[in-house]
């Protein structure tokens, strides 16, 4: 059966508008391709390899033909010859005090500069020495699904998966519920409403480093504001409360992280919901008032159902953002928390790749994280979206 070509496809105007549309989309497509699709494809490919690095000598930057034995004697004792220190300081601006011999072998010495984090290789080649900058090269060995097996057998990965699941399951619904209540309050005709809206949005635009550092003081065991408020509140009822060590107690690390996240994102989500509330036609509320509906019945039967597009949007972006939590953990706990109590999946990937140098398992873990987010997002788009009501 031959399908007929749509009539609009034959129109020059159609193709002109189509090309113009894609030209407008081109910057966005370029950014998505460079920073989203390309990294994911590489991560998927690297997950099938055992990836290692090795240091090899680069191009010679200095050839030593005089006093070779004196240089060799000093290098064998772990000392850097003064002429070499002077040469490297002049060429690269290094501090000779930061230069030391990291590796000593028969005819090969590796020098490291701690200030600039650079390395140099000194090789004995016959009757002369050559000084070369160290170059890192990648070694890739196909291993199939072995990296995924390694990740699934890793207890730290299990811990990160459990922590991330708990964090998402608690922070996402709690933040959304509080944002809905806050938006309802801000939608009322109260004095200073614009000021309250601005104040609730400030936590979202505040840099994460500043937020985490402030919360490190709030959670401080000895001088923290939270412990002071809790002990003062308990004192009103004659109760003596013990001091809570929020940042060093494994039982409190995840609640502390969730509390900080809820505080930061509630105002942002409330403003989106507030915009949705103000877009609802007032005729619905007038009809409910005529029918004798109470304020709560109006909110439950009209406001919430007609806010489902905004709620659905926030649910999607909150879910994706919560699974990607990383810098908050690093700054707040200066690591993965006591006994890995705040270890998340992204932090697990970071630690595997950049602390342990296990790039293959790290790539496999990132693919697993993508699969989890993709499945949950697909579930929401196909199942949850059916309960979204759009105003006609």
Protein backbone atom coordinates (compact mmCIF):
# COMPACT_ATOMS: atom_id res chain seq x y z
CA UNK A 1 0.00 0.00 0.00
CA UNK A 2 1.43 3.34 -1.09
CA UNK A 3 0.88 6.19 1.33
CA UNK A 4 0.06 9.58 -0.07
CA UNK A 5 2.44 12.43 0.71
CA UNK A 6 0.72 15.08 2.86
CA UNK A 7 -0.13 18.15 0.85
CA UNK A 8 1.65 20.51 3.23
CA UNK A 9 4.95 18.70 2.54
CA UNK A 10 4.85 20.01 -1.00
CA UNK A 11 4.60 23.59 0.19
CA UNK A 12 7.74 25.74 0.20
CA UNK A 13 6.37 27.66 3.16
CA UNK A 14 6.14 24.45 5.19
CA UNK A 15 9.79 23.57 4.61
CA UNK A 16 10.89 27.16 5.20
CA UNK A 17 9.13 27.24 8.58
CA UNK A 18 10.49 23.80 9.44
CA UNK A 19 14.07 24.82 8.71
CA UNK A 20 13.64 28.03 10.70
CA UNK A 21 12.27 26.06 13.66
CA UNK A 22 15.26 23.70 13.63
CA UNK A 23 17.65 26.63 13.38
CA UNK A 24 16.13 28.07 16.56
CA UNK A 25 16.46 24.66 18.21
CA UNK A 26 20.03 24.15 17.03
CA UNK A 27 21.75 25.76 20.09
CA UNK A 28 19.64 23.64 22.46
CA UNK A 29 20.29 20.48 20.45
CA UNK A 30 24.03 21.24 20.44
CA UNK A 31 24.09 21.67 24.22
CA UNK A 32 22.07 18.49 24.76
CA UNK A 33 24.27 16.55 22.38
CA UNK A 34 27.53 17.78 23.92
CA UNK A 35 26.66 17.65 27.61
CA UNK A 36 23.94 14.97 27.79
CA UNK A 37 23.90 12.46 24.94
CA UNK A 38 27.64 12.30 24.28
CA UNK A 39 28.60 11.66 27.94
CA UNK A 40 25.89 9.02 28.31
CA UNK A 41 26.94 7.16 25.16
CA UNK A 42 30.55 7.22 26.35
CA UNK A 43 29.55 5.99 29.81
CA UNK A 44 27.58 3.13 28.24
CA UNK A 45 30.56 2.17 26.07
CA UNK A 46 33.12 2.47 28.89
CA UNK A 47 30.99 0.25 31.13
CA UNK A 48 32.10 -2.70 28.97
CA UNK A 49 35.82 -2.03 29.47
CA UNK A 50 38.39 -2.36 32.21
CA UNK A 51 39.89 1.11 32.09
CA UNK A 52 43.33 1.80 33.50
CA UNK A 53 45.88 4.54 33.28
CA UNK A 54 49.65 4.46 32.99
CA UNK A 55 52.30 7.15 33.06
CA UNK A 56 54.65 7.30 30.08
CA UNK A 57 57.41 9.78 29.16
CA UNK A 58 56.50 12.57 26.74
CA UNK A 59 58.75 14.57 24.44
CA UNK A 60 62.24 15.38 25.81
CA UNK A 61 62.54 18.89 27.24
CA UNK A 62 66.17 18.59 28.44
CA UNK A 63 69.16 16.45 27.44
CA UNK A 64 72.00 16.17 29.96
CA UNK A 65 75.42 15.14 28.63
CA UNK A 66 77.70 16.60 31.33
CA UNK A 67 78.01 15.42 34.95
CA UNK A 68 75.71 12.50 34.19
CA UNK A 69 77.10 10.31 37.01
CA UNK A 70 76.68 13.09 39.55
CA UNK A 71 73.04 13.47 38.55
CA UNK A 72 72.49 9.71 38.74
CA UNK A 73 74.08 9.55 42.21
CA UNK A 74 71.78 12.29 43.51
CA UNK A 75 68.68 10.79 41.94
CA UNK A 76 69.45 7.36 43.40
CA UNK A 77 69.56 8.97 46.87
CA UNK A 78 66.21 10.62 46.26
CA UNK A 79 67.57 14.13 45.71
CA UNK A 80 66.79 16.43 42.80
CA UNK A 81 69.92 17.97 41.18
CA UNK A 82 70.00 21.75 41.60
CA UNK A 83 70.46 22.44 37.84
CA UNK A 84 67.32 20.36 37.17
CA UNK A 85 65.32 22.24 39.82
CA UNK A 86 66.46 25.56 38.36
CA UNK A 87 65.58 24.47 34.84
CA UNK A 88 62.07 23.29 35.75
CA UNK A 89 61.45 26.40 37.86
CA UNK A 90 62.40 28.62 34.96
CA UNK A 91 60.44 26.70 32.33
CA UNK A 92 57.26 25.94 34.30
CA UNK A 93 57.40 28.37 37.21
CA UNK A 94 57.65 25.56 39.76
CA UNK A 95 58.82 25.95 43.34
CA UNK A 96 61.98 23.83 43.85
CA UNK A 97 60.81 23.11 47.41
CA UNK A 98 57.78 21.23 46.06
CA UNK A 99 59.84 18.97 43.80
CA UNK A 100 60.79 15.48 45.03
CA UNK A 101 61.72 12.05 43.64
CA UNK A 102 58.58 9.91 43.81
CA UNK A 103 59.95 6.76 42.14
CA UNK A 104 63.47 5.42 41.87
CA UNK A 105 64.41 2.62 39.47
CA UNK A 106 67.59 1.43 37.77
CA UNK A 107 67.60 3.90 34.88
CA UNK A 108 64.31 5.72 35.44
CA UNK A 109 63.25 8.28 38.02
CA UNK A 110 59.87 10.00 38.41
CA UNK A 111 59.84 13.51 39.87
CA UNK A 112 56.67 15.05 41.26
CA UNK A 113 55.82 18.68 41.89
CA UNK A 114 53.26 18.93 44.70
CA UNK A 115 52.45 22.55 44.01
CA UNK A 116 51.37 22.20 40.38
CA UNK A 117 50.61 18.44 40.60
CA UNK A 118 52.88 17.66 37.66
CA UNK A 119 55.30 14.83 37.14
CA UNK A 120 58.52 14.47 35.14
CA UNK A 121 60.47 11.40 34.09
CA UNK A 122 64.27 11.28 34.01
CA UNK A 123 65.62 8.49 31.77
CA UNK A 124 69.16 7.25 31.39
CA UNK A 125 69.74 6.56 27.71
CA UNK A 126 73.29 5.39 27.11
CA UNK A 127 75.75 8.13 28.04
CA UNK A 128 73.20 10.88 28.61
CA UNK A 129 70.01 11.67 30.54
CA UNK A 130 66.75 12.99 29.15
CA UNK A 131 64.10 14.83 31.14
CA UNK A 132 60.55 14.40 29.88
CA UNK A 133 57.12 15.49 31.18
CA UNK A 134 54.99 12.57 32.29
CA UNK A 135 51.98 11.83 30.06
CA UNK A 136 48.96 9.79 31.18
CA UNK A 137 47.62 7.26 28.71
CA UNK A 138 44.47 5.15 28.90
CA UNK A 139 44.39 1.37 28.61
CA UNK A 140 41.03 -0.17 27.66
CA UNK A 141 40.42 -3.93 27.91
CA UNK A 142 37.00 -5.36 26.97
CA UNK A 143 35.36 -7.19 29.92
CA UNK A 144 31.71 -7.43 28.81
CA UNK A 145 29.28 -7.34 31.74
CA UNK A 146 31.95 -7.83 34.39
CA UNK A 147 31.75 -4.21 35.56
CA UNK A 148 28.01 -4.54 36.21
CA UNK A 149 28.64 -7.74 38.19
CA UNK A 150 31.28 -5.91 40.22
CA UNK A 151 28.90 -3.05 40.99
CA UNK A 152 25.99 -5.30 41.97
CA UNK A 153 28.30 -7.27 44.30
CA UNK A 154 29.64 -4.12 45.97
CA UNK A 155 28.19 -3.42 49.43
CA UNK A 156 28.84 0.29 49.03
CA UNK A 157 26.61 0.30 45.95
CA UNK A 158 23.84 -1.41 47.92
CA UNK A 159 24.25 1.19 50.64
CA UNK A 160 24.14 4.06 48.14
CA UNK A 161 21.02 2.62 46.48
CA UNK A 162 19.22 2.28 49.82
CA UNK A 163 20.24 5.77 50.95
CA UNK A 164 19.17 7.35 47.67
CA UNK A 165 15.83 5.51 47.71
CA UNK A 166 15.11 6.66 51.26
CA UNK A 167 16.09 10.21 50.40
CA UNK A 168 13.87 10.33 47.30
CA UNK A 169 10.93 8.56 48.96
CA UNK A 170 10.89 11.04 51.86
CA UNK A 171 12.10 14.36 50.46
CA UNK A 172 10.04 14.45 47.24
CA UNK A 173 6.53 13.94 48.73
CA UNK A 174 7.26 15.97 51.87
CA UNK A 175 8.58 18.93 49.86
CA UNK A 176 5.65 18.79 47.45
CA UNK A 177 3.06 18.59 50.25
CA UNK A 178 4.59 21.51 52.18
CA UNK A 179 4.87 23.52 48.97
CA UNK A 180 1.17 22.93 48.29
CA UNK A 181 0.24 24.16 51.76
CA UNK A 182 2.54 27.16 51.46
CA UNK A 183 1.17 28.07 48.03
CA UNK A 184 -2.35 27.90 49.42
CA UNK A 185 -1.42 30.34 52.17
CA UNK A 186 0.39 32.71 49.80
CA UNK A 187 -2.62 32.69 47.48
CA UNK A 188 -4.76 34.33 50.16
CA UNK A 189 -5.24 38.08 50.27
CA UNK A 190 -2.79 38.86 53.10
CA UNK A 191 -0.70 41.94 53.65
CA UNK A 192 2.94 41.64 52.62
CA UNK A 193 2.21 38.76 50.27
CA UNK A 194 4.88 39.85 47.74
CA UNK A 195 7.50 39.98 50.48
CA UNK A 196 6.67 36.47 51.65
CA UNK A 197 6.85 35.15 48.09
CA UNK A 198 10.31 36.65 47.61
CA UNK A 199 11.53 35.35 50.97
CA UNK A 200 10.38 31.81 50.17
CA UNK A 201 12.19 31.86 46.82
CA UNK A 202 15.53 33.06 48.24
CA UNK A 203 16.71 29.62 49.49
CA UNK A 204 16.46 28.23 45.96
CA UNK A 205 18.68 30.89 44.37
CA UNK A 206 21.23 30.86 47.22
CA UNK A 207 24.48 29.06 46.19
CA UNK A 208 24.76 25.51 47.48
CA UNK A 209 28.10 26.13 49.16
CA UNK A 210 26.62 28.94 51.25
CA UNK A 211 23.54 26.86 52.15
CA UNK A 212 25.60 23.83 53.18
CA UNK A 213 28.05 25.89 55.24
CA UNK A 214 25.19 27.59 57.10
CA UNK A 215 23.58 24.21 57.81
CA UNK A 216 26.89 22.86 59.05
CA UNK A 217 26.70 25.56 61.73
CA UNK A 218 23.00 24.87 62.37
CA UNK A 219 23.73 21.15 62.85
CA UNK A 220 26.84 21.73 64.98
CA UNK A 221 26.77 19.56 68.07
CA UNK A 222 28.00 22.17 70.56
CA UNK A 223 27.03 25.59 69.19
CA UNK A 224 24.42 24.70 66.56
CA UNK A 225 21.13 26.58 66.37
CA UNK A 226 19.01 23.44 65.93
CA UNK A 227 20.19 21.80 69.14
CA UNK A 228 19.66 25.07 71.00
CA UNK A 229 16.06 25.39 69.74
CA UNK A 230 15.26 21.75 70.48
CA UNK A 231 16.69 21.90 74.00
CA UNK A 232 14.88 25.19 74.67
CA UNK A 233 11.57 23.74 73.47
CA UNK A 234 12.06 20.61 75.58
CA UNK A 235 12.91 22.79 78.57
CA UNK A 236 9.46 24.42 78.39
CA UNK A 237 7.99 21.05 79.37
CA UNK A 238 10.67 20.28 81.95
CA UNK A 239 12.37 17.69 79.76
CA UNK A 240 16.16 17.38 79.68
CA UNK A 241 17.20 16.59 76.10
CA UNK A 242 20.59 15.14 75.20
CA UNK A 243 22.71 16.91 72.58
CA UNK A 244 22.29 15.50 69.07
CA UNK A 245 25.35 15.07 66.87
CA UNK A 246 23.66 15.59 63.50
CA UNK A 247 26.74 15.38 61.29
CA UNK A 248 28.52 12.48 63.02
CA UNK A 249 25.68 10.19 64.03
CA UNK A 250 24.81 7.66 61.27
CA UNK A 251 21.16 7.66 62.40
CA UNK A 252 20.82 11.43 61.97
CA UNK A 253 22.82 12.02 58.78
CA UNK A 254 19.99 11.25 56.35
CA UNK A 255 17.32 13.21 58.30
CA UNK A 256 19.72 16.18 58.38
CA UNK A 257 20.21 15.99 54.61
CA UNK A 258 16.48 15.66 53.95
CA UNK A 259 15.66 18.59 56.23
CA UNK A 260 18.11 20.83 54.38
CA UNK A 261 16.73 19.82 50.99
CA UNK A 262 13.10 20.35 52.04
CA UNK A 263 13.96 23.82 53.35
CA UNK A 264 15.65 24.78 50.10
CA UNK A 265 13.11 23.55 47.54
CA UNK A 266 9.78 24.11 49.27
CA UNK A 267 9.64 27.82 48.38
CA UNK A 268 10.58 27.21 44.74
CA UNK A 269 7.88 24.59 44.29
CA UNK A 270 5.37 26.75 46.16
CA UNK A 271 5.84 29.59 43.64
CA UNK A 272 5.18 27.23 40.71
CA UNK A 273 2.04 25.94 42.39
CA UNK A 274 1.01 29.49 43.24
CA UNK A 275 1.27 30.47 39.58
CA UNK A 276 -0.96 27.51 38.75
CA UNK A 277 -3.50 28.53 41.39
CA UNK A 278 -3.73 32.04 40.02
CA UNK A 279 -4.40 30.63 36.56
CA UNK A 280 -7.52 28.74 37.67
CA UNK A 281 -10.74 30.32 36.42
CA UNK A 282 -12.59 32.04 39.29
CA UNK A 283 -15.92 30.74 37.97
CA UNK A 284 -15.18 27.35 39.52
CA UNK A 285 -14.85 28.88 42.98
CA UNK A 286 -17.98 30.98 42.53
CA UNK A 287 -19.98 27.91 41.53
CA UNK A 288 -18.66 26.02 44.55
CA UNK A 289 -19.60 28.91 46.83
CA UNK A 290 -23.13 28.93 45.42
CA UNK A 291 -23.40 25.18 46.05
CA UNK A 292 -22.39 25.74 49.69
CA UNK A 293 -18.99 24.03 49.55
CA UNK A 294 -16.62 24.71 52.43
CA UNK A 295 -13.12 26.14 51.95
CA UNK A 296 -11.53 22.74 52.44
CA UNK A 297 -13.95 21.06 50.02
CA UNK A 298 -13.22 23.75 47.43
CA UNK A 299 -9.49 23.27 47.88
CA UNK A 300 -9.74 19.48 47.64
CA UNK A 301 -12.27 19.25 44.82
CA UNK A 302 -11.23 22.20 42.65
CA UNK A 303 -7.79 23.59 43.49
CA UNK A 304 -5.85 20.33 43.82
CA UNK A 305 -7.33 18.59 40.72
CA UNK A 306 -6.71 21.65 38.55
CA UNK A 307 -3.16 21.92 39.90
CA UNK A 308 -2.24 18.40 38.78
CA UNK A 309 -0.31 19.64 35.68
CA UNK A 310 1.98 21.69 37.93
CA UNK A 311 2.15 18.90 40.52
CA UNK A 312 3.04 16.40 37.81
CA UNK A 313 5.78 18.70 36.47
CA UNK A 314 7.27 19.17 39.95
CA UNK A 315 7.09 15.44 40.61
CA UNK A 316 9.12 14.70 37.47
CA UNK A 317 11.85 17.28 38.03
CA UNK A 318 12.04 16.54 41.78
CA UNK A 319 12.47 12.84 41.15
CA UNK A 320 15.27 13.35 38.64
CA UNK A 321 17.00 16.01 40.74
CA UNK A 322 16.81 13.95 43.94
CA UNK A 323 18.48 10.93 42.36
CA UNK A 324 21.35 13.20 41.24
CA UNK A 325 22.13 14.60 44.69
CA UNK A 326 25.89 14.94 45.15
CA UNK A 327 27.40 18.33 46.06
CA UNK A 328 25.07 18.71 49.05
CA UNK A 329 26.47 15.53 50.58
CA UNK A 330 30.08 16.42 49.83
CA UNK A 331 29.88 19.90 51.34
CA UNK A 332 27.63 19.13 54.30
CA UNK A 333 29.48 16.02 55.50
CA UNK A 334 32.87 16.61 53.84
CA UNK A 335 32.51 13.08 52.51
CA UNK A 336 29.85 10.38 52.43
CA UNK A 337 28.77 10.85 56.05
CA UNK A 338 29.56 8.72 59.12
CA UNK A 339 29.74 5.03 58.15
CA UNK A 340 28.57 5.93 54.63
CA UNK A 341 25.20 6.92 56.07
CA UNK A 342 24.80 9.67 53.43
CA UNK A 343 26.44 7.82 50.53
CA UNK A 344 24.31 8.43 47.44
CA UNK A 345 24.54 6.86 44.00
CA UNK A 346 26.16 9.87 42.36
CA UNK A 347 28.67 10.15 45.20
CA UNK A 348 29.39 6.43 44.79
CA UNK A 349 30.10 7.01 41.08
CA UNK A 350 32.35 9.95 41.91
CA UNK A 351 34.29 7.95 44.49
CA UNK A 352 34.73 4.98 42.20
CA UNK A 353 35.99 7.09 39.32
CA UNK A 354 38.07 9.85 40.90
CA UNK A 355 39.17 8.39 44.22
CA UNK A 356 39.62 4.71 43.36
CA UNK A 357 40.37 5.09 39.66
CA UNK A 358 37.85 2.36 38.77
CA UNK A 359 36.38 4.03 35.72
CA UNK A 360 34.73 0.90 34.33
CA UNK A 361 32.58 0.16 37.41
CA UNK A 362 31.86 3.89 37.75
CA UNK A 363 30.54 3.96 34.18
CA UNK A 364 28.45 0.86 34.87
CA UNK A 365 26.98 2.49 37.98
CA UNK A 366 26.10 5.61 35.99
CA UNK A 367 24.27 3.47 33.42
CA UNK A 368 22.33 1.79 36.23
CA UNK A 369 21.40 5.19 37.66
CA UNK A 370 20.21 6.33 34.23
CA UNK A 371 18.10 3.18 33.88
CA UNK A 372 16.44 3.75 37.27
CA UNK A 373 15.60 7.38 36.47
CA UNK A 374 14.39 6.45 32.98
CA UNK A 375 12.06 3.70 34.24
CA UNK A 376 10.58 5.87 36.99
CA UNK A 377 10.10 8.81 34.61
CA UNK A 378 8.49 6.51 32.04
CA UNK A 379 6.16 5.17 34.73
CA UNK A 380 5.07 8.68 35.63
CA UNK A 381 4.59 9.69 32.01
CA UNK A 382 2.45 6.63 31.21
CA UNK A 383 0.64 5.93 34.50
CA UNK A 384 0.66 9.01 36.73
CA UNK A 385 -0.11 11.39 33.88
CA UNK A 386 -3.50 9.73 33.41
CA UNK A 387 -4.60 11.40 36.64
CA UNK A 388 -3.62 14.85 35.41
CA UNK A 389 -6.60 17.14 34.77
CA UNK A 390 -6.24 19.91 32.22
CA UNK A 391 -8.60 22.86 32.37
CA UNK A 392 -10.72 23.14 29.24
